[in-house]
Amino acid sequence: MAHEWLDEIPCDVIERDESGVDRVVLVDRDGSQMLGPPISDDEACARWGLDATDLRDWTAAWWPLREPGDRAEVGVSRDRAWAWIGSLLGAGCALSTDYGHDRHVRIDAHRHGTLTAYLNGRVVAPVPDGTVGLTAHVALDSCAAALPGTHRTIQRDEITVPAVPMAPDVGDIEAHFHGLRLRTRAHLGEVGWLRWEC
């Protein structure tokens, strides 16, 4: 089981510029950002160690950009990681739980991406200098497609809330409300689950 593993695997970020060109976002160690090569330029991307074909194909299929300023967090690395997990199993079940989204949600609700950083449990500026934990939501549909047979659900559909008995004790009540929290959309109920069995 991998809990919030995929959302911490680094991913490239693409942004549509003012001319409608999709470019790689480059980030300095101090957190300053600038737009780099267009993903249409294979050679320029290769100079940065990037596979432009992967960037183009993934973005077109899973997170097409519409307007200048729109961003996509390219999930190729997460897709490969999930497929790799499946390749390790001769028999059994692989399960991943992550904050994530589907194509229709990210295109409308996450137009500027989901990149976030945490330090000591608090949200801070996402600076790639190793001092903070960087995370971005997972494109769950693309991960599922990378490992055929993957079953996708959300946590609220997987967790059963224990009933409160007629004569409850403190433990019964705590278990009931803990179950409710795990299923509530405003809390953890929307966490995505990927399951693959062989």
C-alpha atoms as a PDB file:
ATOM      1  CA  MET A   1       0.000   0.000   0.000  1.00  0.00           C
ATOM      2  CA  ALA A   2       1.282   3.429  -0.963  1.00  0.00           C
ATOM      3  CA  HIS A   3      -0.323   6.264   1.012  1.00  0.00           C
ATOM      4  CA  GLU A   4       0.238   9.712  -0.501  1.00  0.00           C
ATOM      5  CA  TRP A   5       3.252   8.439  -2.432  1.00  0.00           C
ATOM      6  CA  LEU A   6       2.287   9.261  -6.011  1.00  0.00           C
ATOM      7  CA  ASP A   7       1.508  12.902  -5.193  1.00  0.00           C
ATOM      8  CA  GLU A   8       5.089  13.437  -4.012  1.00  0.00           C
ATOM      9  CA  ILE A   9       6.754  12.022  -7.122  1.00  0.00           C
ATOM     10  CA  PRO A  10       8.155  15.022  -9.020  1.00  0.00           C
ATOM     11  CA  CYS A  11       6.358  16.078 -12.175  1.00  0.00           C
ATOM     12  CA  ASP A  12       7.043  18.635 -14.876  1.00  0.00           C
ATOM     13  CA  VAL A  13       4.811  21.703 -15.076  1.00  0.00           C
ATOM     14  CA  ILE A  14       3.629  23.199 -18.358  1.00  0.00           C
ATOM     15  CA  GLU A  15       2.154  26.699 -18.724  1.00  0.00           C
ATOM     16  CA  ARG A  16       0.448  28.339 -21.694  1.00  0.00           C
ATOM     17  CA  ASP A  17       2.098  31.684 -22.435  1.00  0.00           C
ATOM     18  CA  GLU A  18       0.503  34.906 -23.651  1.00  0.00           C
ATOM     19  CA  SER A  19       0.909  33.800 -27.275  1.00  0.00           C
ATOM     20  CA  GLY A  20      -0.870  30.493 -26.662  1.00  0.00           C
ATOM     21  CA  VAL A  21       2.343  28.419 -26.656  1.00  0.00           C
ATOM     22  CA  ASP A  22       2.696  25.661 -24.060  1.00  0.00           C
ATOM     23  CA  ARG A  23       6.059  25.924 -22.320  1.00  0.00           C
ATOM     24  CA  VAL A  24       7.941  24.093 -19.583  1.00  0.00           C
ATOM     25  CA  VAL A  25       8.076  26.011 -16.287  1.00  0.00           C
ATOM     26  CA  LEU A  26      11.657  26.319 -15.028  1.00  0.00           C
ATOM     27  CA  VAL A  27      12.261  26.957 -11.333  1.00  0.00           C
ATOM     28  CA  ASP A  28      15.414  28.287  -9.700  1.00  0.00           C
ATOM     29  CA  ARG A  29      16.513  27.105  -6.250  1.00  0.00           C
ATOM     30  CA  ASP A  30      15.175  30.319  -4.709  1.00  0.00           C
ATOM     31  CA  GLY A  31      11.704  29.508  -6.056  1.00  0.00           C
ATOM     32  CA  SER A  32      11.714  32.056  -8.883  1.00  0.00           C
ATOM     33  CA  GLN A  33       9.994  30.751 -11.991  1.00  0.00           C
ATOM     34  CA  MET A  34      10.315  31.452 -15.695  1.00  0.00           C
ATOM     35  CA  LEU A  35       8.888  29.905 -18.828  1.00  0.00           C
ATOM     36  CA  GLY A  36      11.345  27.686 -20.635  1.00  0.00           C
ATOM     37  CA  PRO A  37      11.266  25.881 -23.958  1.00  0.00           C
ATOM     38  CA  PRO A  38       8.019  25.187 -25.786  1.00  0.00           C
ATOM     39  CA  ILE A  39       6.975  21.553 -25.664  1.00  0.00           C
ATOM     40  CA  SER A  40       6.751  21.695 -29.460  1.00  0.00           C
ATOM     41  CA  ASP A  41      10.559  22.024 -29.634  1.00  0.00           C
ATOM     42  CA  ASP A  42      12.102  18.575 -29.139  1.00  0.00           C
ATOM     43  CA  GLU A  43      15.720  19.765 -29.198  1.00  0.00           C
ATOM     44  CA  ALA A  44      15.214  22.639 -26.758  1.00  0.00           C
ATOM     45  CA  CYS A  45      13.403  20.356 -24.313  1.00  0.00           C
ATOM     46  CA  ALA A  46      16.113  17.712 -24.658  1.00  0.00           C
ATOM     47  CA  ARG A  47      18.715  20.275 -23.543  1.00  0.00           C
ATOM     48  CA  TRP A  48      16.843  20.354 -20.225  1.00  0.00           C
ATOM     49  CA  GLY A  49      16.640  16.565 -20.070  1.00  0.00           C
ATOM     50  CA  LEU A  50      12.962  16.523 -21.068  1.00  0.00           C
ATOM     51  CA  ASP A  51      11.162  14.292 -23.546  1.00  0.00           C
ATOM     52  CA  ALA A  52       8.968  16.719 -25.479  1.00  0.00           C
ATOM     53  CA  THR A  53       6.948  13.896 -27.034  1.00  0.00           C
ATOM     54  CA  ASP A  54       5.963  12.620 -23.580  1.00  0.00           C
ATOM     55  CA  LEU A  55       5.023  16.141 -22.488  1.00  0.00           C
ATOM     56  CA  ARG A  56       2.912  16.780 -25.604  1.00  0.00           C
ATOM     57  CA  ASP A  57       1.184  13.418 -25.638  1.00  0.00           C
ATOM     58  CA  TRP A  58       0.337  13.415 -21.935  1.00  0.00           C
ATOM     59  CA  THR A  59      -0.884  17.009 -21.898  1.00  0.00           C
ATOM     60  CA  ALA A  60      -3.052  16.508 -24.981  1.00  0.00           C
ATOM     61  CA  ALA A  61      -4.640  13.375 -23.535  1.00  0.00           C
ATOM     62  CA  TRP A  62      -5.029  14.273 -19.879  1.00  0.00           C
ATOM     63  CA  TRP A  63      -4.698  18.011 -19.202  1.00  0.00           C
ATOM     64  CA  PRO A  64      -5.078  20.217 -22.305  1.00  0.00           C
ATOM     65  CA  LEU A  65      -4.534  23.903 -21.620  1.00  0.00           C
ATOM     66  CA  ARG A  66      -7.012  26.482 -22.871  1.00  0.00           C
ATOM     67  CA  GLU A  67      -6.014  29.998 -21.844  1.00  0.00           C
ATOM     68  CA  PRO A  68      -2.775  31.908 -21.192  1.00  0.00           C
ATOM     69  CA  GLY A  69      -1.702  31.280 -17.607  1.00  0.00           C
ATOM     70  CA  ASP A  70      -3.262  27.808 -17.473  1.00  0.00           C
ATOM     71  CA  ARG A  71      -0.940  25.163 -16.039  1.00  0.00           C
ATOM     72  CA  ALA A  72      -0.729  21.396 -16.204  1.00  0.00           C
ATOM     73  CA  GLU A  73       1.230  19.121 -13.886  1.00  0.00           C
ATOM     74  CA  VAL A  74       2.372  16.398 -16.267  1.00  0.00           C
ATOM     75  CA  GLY A  75       1.790  12.993 -14.701  1.00  0.00           C
ATOM     76  CA  VAL A  76       4.114  10.825 -16.823  1.00  0.00           C
ATOM     77  CA  SER A  77       6.376  10.075 -13.836  1.00  0.00           C
ATOM     78  CA  ARG A  78       3.386   9.099 -11.644  1.00  0.00           C
ATOM     79  CA  ASP A  79       1.895   6.911 -14.377  1.00  0.00           C
ATOM     80  CA  ARG A  80       5.194   5.061 -14.754  1.00  0.00           C
ATOM     81  CA  ALA A  81       5.528   4.652 -10.998  1.00  0.00           C
ATOM     82  CA  TRP A  82       2.063   3.103 -10.688  1.00  0.00           C
ATOM     83  CA  ALA A  83       2.744   0.762 -13.620  1.00  0.00           C
ATOM     84  CA  TRP A  84       6.067  -0.181 -11.988  1.00  0.00           C
ATOM     85  CA  ILE A  85       4.288  -1.108  -8.737  1.00  0.00           C
ATOM     86  CA  GLY A  86       2.078  -3.476 -10.722  1.00  0.00           C
ATOM     87  CA  SER A  87       5.122  -5.064 -12.353  1.00  0.00           C
ATOM     88  CA  LEU A  88       6.489  -6.018  -8.919  1.00  0.00           C
ATOM     89  CA  LEU A  89       3.529  -8.231  -8.024  1.00  0.00           C
ATOM     90  CA  GLY A  90       3.328 -11.861  -8.999  1.00  0.00           C
ATOM     91  CA  ALA A  91       0.132 -12.212  -6.985  1.00  0.00           C
ATOM     92  CA  GLY A  92      -1.616  -9.827  -4.649  1.00  0.00           C
ATOM     93  CA  CYS A  93      -3.069  -6.349  -4.515  1.00  0.00           C
ATOM     94  CA  ALA A  94      -1.484  -2.920  -4.984  1.00  0.00           C
ATOM     95  CA  LEU A  95      -3.323   0.000  -3.374  1.00  0.00           C
ATOM     96  CA  SER A  96      -2.526   3.698  -3.592  1.00  0.00           C
ATOM     97  CA  THR A  97      -4.377   6.497  -1.825  1.00  0.00           C
ATOM     98  CA  ASP A  98      -3.707  10.062  -2.919  1.00  0.00           C
ATOM     99  CA  TYR A  99      -5.243  13.465  -3.304  1.00  0.00           C
ATOM    100  CA  GLY A 100      -6.124  13.528  -6.961  1.00  0.00           C
ATOM    101  CA  HIS A 101      -8.436  14.562  -9.762  1.00  0.00           C
ATOM    102  CA  ASP A 102      -9.930  13.484 -13.069  1.00  0.00           C
ATOM    103  CA  ARG A 103      -9.613  15.206 -16.447  1.00  0.00           C
ATOM    104  CA  HIS A 104     -12.895  17.127 -16.330  1.00  0.00           C
ATOM    105  CA  VAL A 105     -12.193  18.392 -12.792  1.00  0.00           C
ATOM    106  CA  ARG A 106      -8.615  19.525 -13.368  1.00  0.00           C
ATOM    107  CA  ILE A 107      -9.428  21.340 -16.607  1.00  0.00           C
ATOM    108  CA  ASP A 108     -12.101  23.440 -14.884  1.00  0.00           C
ATOM    109  CA  ALA A 109     -11.194  23.551 -11.189  1.00  0.00           C
ATOM    110  CA  HIS A 110      -7.388  23.336 -11.267  1.00  0.00           C
ATOM    111  CA  ARG A 111      -6.512  25.563 -14.209  1.00  0.00           C
ATOM    112  CA  HIS A 112      -3.447  26.897 -12.391  1.00  0.00           C
ATOM    113  CA  GLY A 113      -2.342  23.547 -10.989  1.00  0.00           C
ATOM    114  CA  THR A 114      -2.235  22.152  -7.474  1.00  0.00           C
ATOM    115  CA  LEU A 115       1.455  22.449  -6.556  1.00  0.00           C
ATOM    116  CA  THR A 116       1.728  22.995  -2.805  1.00  0.00           C
ATOM    117  CA  ALA A 117       4.444  22.802  -0.178  1.00  0.00           C
ATOM    118  CA  TYR A 118       4.326  21.841   3.484  1.00  0.00           C
ATOM    119  CA  LEU A 119       6.667  22.497   6.373  1.00  0.00           C
ATOM    120  CA  ASN A 120       5.885  21.180   9.854  1.00  0.00           C
ATOM    121  CA  GLY A 121       2.293  20.543   8.811  1.00  0.00           C
ATOM    122  CA  ARG A 122       1.680  24.055   7.456  1.00  0.00           C
ATOM    123  CA  VAL A 123       1.272  25.270   3.882  1.00  0.00           C
ATOM    124  CA  VAL A 124       4.287  27.312   2.713  1.00  0.00           C
ATOM    125  CA  ALA A 125       5.663  28.601  -0.586  1.00  0.00           C
ATOM    126  CA  PRO A 126       6.682  25.740  -2.917  1.00  0.00           C
ATOM    127  CA  VAL A 127      10.442  26.312  -3.146  1.00  0.00           C
ATOM    128  CA  PRO A 128      12.412  23.378  -4.645  1.00  0.00           C
ATOM    129  CA  ASP A 129      15.451  23.697  -2.369  1.00  0.00           C
ATOM    130  CA  GLY A 130      14.910  20.568  -0.274  1.00  0.00           C
ATOM    131  CA  THR A 131      13.670  22.440   2.801  1.00  0.00           C
ATOM    132  CA  VAL A 132       9.947  21.818   2.245  1.00  0.00           C
ATOM    133  CA  GLY A 133       7.779  18.902   1.159  1.00  0.00           C
ATOM    134  CA  LEU A 134       6.451  19.506  -2.355  1.00  0.00           C
ATOM    135  CA  THR A 135       3.265  17.840  -3.525  1.00  0.00           C
ATOM    136  CA  ALA A 136       0.836  18.057  -6.429  1.00  0.00           C
ATOM    137  CA  HIS A 137      -2.438  16.199  -6.848  1.00  0.00           C
ATOM    138  CA  VAL A 138      -2.386  13.024  -8.940  1.00  0.00           C
ATOM    139  CA  ALA A 139      -4.128  12.593 -12.288  1.00  0.00           C
ATOM    140  CA  LEU A 140      -5.838   9.420 -11.110  1.00  0.00           C
ATOM    141  CA  ASP A 141      -7.395   8.604 -14.471  1.00  0.00           C
ATOM    142  CA  SER A 142      -4.059   8.655 -16.283  1.00  0.00           C
ATOM    143  CA  CYS A 143      -2.437   6.491 -13.585  1.00  0.00           C
ATOM    144  CA  ALA A 144      -5.276   3.991 -13.902  1.00  0.00           C
ATOM    145  CA  ALA A 145      -4.841   3.890 -17.682  1.00  0.00           C
ATOM    146  CA  ALA A 146      -1.099   3.242 -17.258  1.00  0.00           C
ATOM    147  CA  LEU A 147      -1.831  -0.049 -15.470  1.00  0.00           C
ATOM    148  CA  PRO A 148      -4.797  -1.725 -17.189  1.00  0.00           C
ATOM    149  CA  GLY A 149      -7.196  -3.333 -14.767  1.00  0.00           C
ATOM    150  CA  THR A 150      -6.774  -0.621 -12.148  1.00  0.00           C
ATOM    151  CA  HIS A 151     -10.000   0.052 -10.243  1.00  0.00           C
ATOM    152  CA  ARG A 152     -10.594   3.673  -9.176  1.00  0.00           C
ATOM    153  CA  THR A 153     -12.785   4.836  -6.319  1.00  0.00           C
ATOM    154  CA  ILE A 154     -12.827   7.545  -3.680  1.00  0.00           C
ATOM    155  CA  GLN A 155     -12.451   6.999   0.025  1.00  0.00           C
ATOM    156  CA  ARG A 156     -16.071   7.738   0.922  1.00  0.00           C
ATOM    157  CA  ASP A 157     -17.071   4.711  -1.164  1.00  0.00           C
ATOM    158  CA  GLU A 158     -14.525   2.447   0.540  1.00  0.00           C
ATOM    159  CA  ILE A 159     -14.991   3.281   4.218  1.00  0.00           C
ATOM    160  CA  THR A 160     -17.932   1.994   6.245  1.00  0.00           C
ATOM    161  CA  VAL A 161     -18.994   4.081   9.209  1.00  0.00           C
ATOM    162  CA  PRO A 162     -19.573   1.923  12.288  1.00  0.00           C
ATOM    163  CA  ALA A 163     -23.058   2.275  13.725  1.00  0.00           C
ATOM    164  CA  VAL A 164     -23.492   3.602  17.228  1.00  0.00           C
ATOM    165  CA  PRO A 165     -25.017   0.859  19.425  1.00  0.00           C
ATOM    166  CA  MET A 166     -28.039   1.465  21.654  1.00  0.00           C
ATOM    167  CA  ALA A 167     -25.821   1.737  24.733  1.00  0.00           C
ATOM    168  CA  PRO A 168     -22.655   3.280  23.330  1.00  0.00           C
ATOM    169  CA  ASP A 169     -19.424   3.848  25.200  1.00  0.00           C
ATOM    170  CA  VAL A 170     -16.837   6.525  24.397  1.00  0.00           C
ATOM    171  CA  GLY A 171     -14.984   4.190  21.999  1.00  0.00           C
ATOM    172  CA  ASP A 172     -18.140   3.506  19.985  1.00  0.00           C
ATOM    173  CA  ILE A 173     -18.834   7.206  19.577  1.00  0.00           C
ATOM    174  CA  GLU A 174     -15.229   7.980  18.677  1.00  0.00           C
ATOM    175  CA  ALA A 175     -15.186   5.221  16.041  1.00  0.00           C
ATOM    176  CA  HIS A 176     -18.439   6.509  14.541  1.00  0.00           C
ATOM    177  CA  PHE A 177     -17.255  10.102  14.219  1.00  0.00           C
ATOM    178  CA  HIS A 178     -13.823   9.041  12.994  1.00  0.00           C
ATOM    179  CA  GLY A 179     -15.550   7.054  10.241  1.00  0.00           C
ATOM    180  CA  LEU A 180     -17.680  10.066   9.331  1.00  0.00           C
ATOM    181  CA  ARG A 181     -14.579  12.243   9.035  1.00  0.00           C
ATOM    182  CA  LEU A 182     -12.927   9.708   6.732  1.00  0.00           C
ATOM    183  CA  ARG A 183     -15.976   9.811   4.448  1.00  0.00           C
ATOM    184  CA  THR A 184     -16.867  13.519   4.512  1.00  0.00           C
ATOM    185  CA  ARG A 185     -16.259  15.324   1.233  1.00  0.00           C
ATOM    186  CA  ALA A 186     -14.928  18.392   3.059  1.00  0.00           C
ATOM    187  CA  HIS A 187     -12.307  16.265   4.821  1.00  0.00           C
ATOM    188  CA  LEU A 188     -10.884  12.994   3.533  1.00  0.00           C
ATOM    189  CA  GLY A 189     -13.814  11.491   1.655  1.00  0.00           C
ATOM    190  CA  GLU A 190     -12.536  12.699  -1.732  1.00  0.00           C
ATOM    191  CA  VAL A 191      -9.124  11.045  -1.428  1.00  0.00           C
ATOM    192  CA  GLY A 192      -8.647   8.854  -4.491  1.00  0.00           C
ATOM    193  CA  TRP A 193      -8.002   5.113  -4.308  1.00  0.00           C
ATOM    194  CA  LEU A 194      -6.265   3.091  -7.016  1.00  0.00           C
ATOM    195  CA  ARG A 195      -6.423  -0.703  -6.652  1.00  0.00           C
ATOM    196  CA  TRP A 196      -4.855  -3.298  -8.902  1.00  0.00           C
ATOM    197  CA  GLU A 197      -5.011  -7.032  -8.284  1.00  0.00           C
ATOM    198  CA  CYS A 198      -3.364 -10.002  -9.930  1.00  0.00           C
END
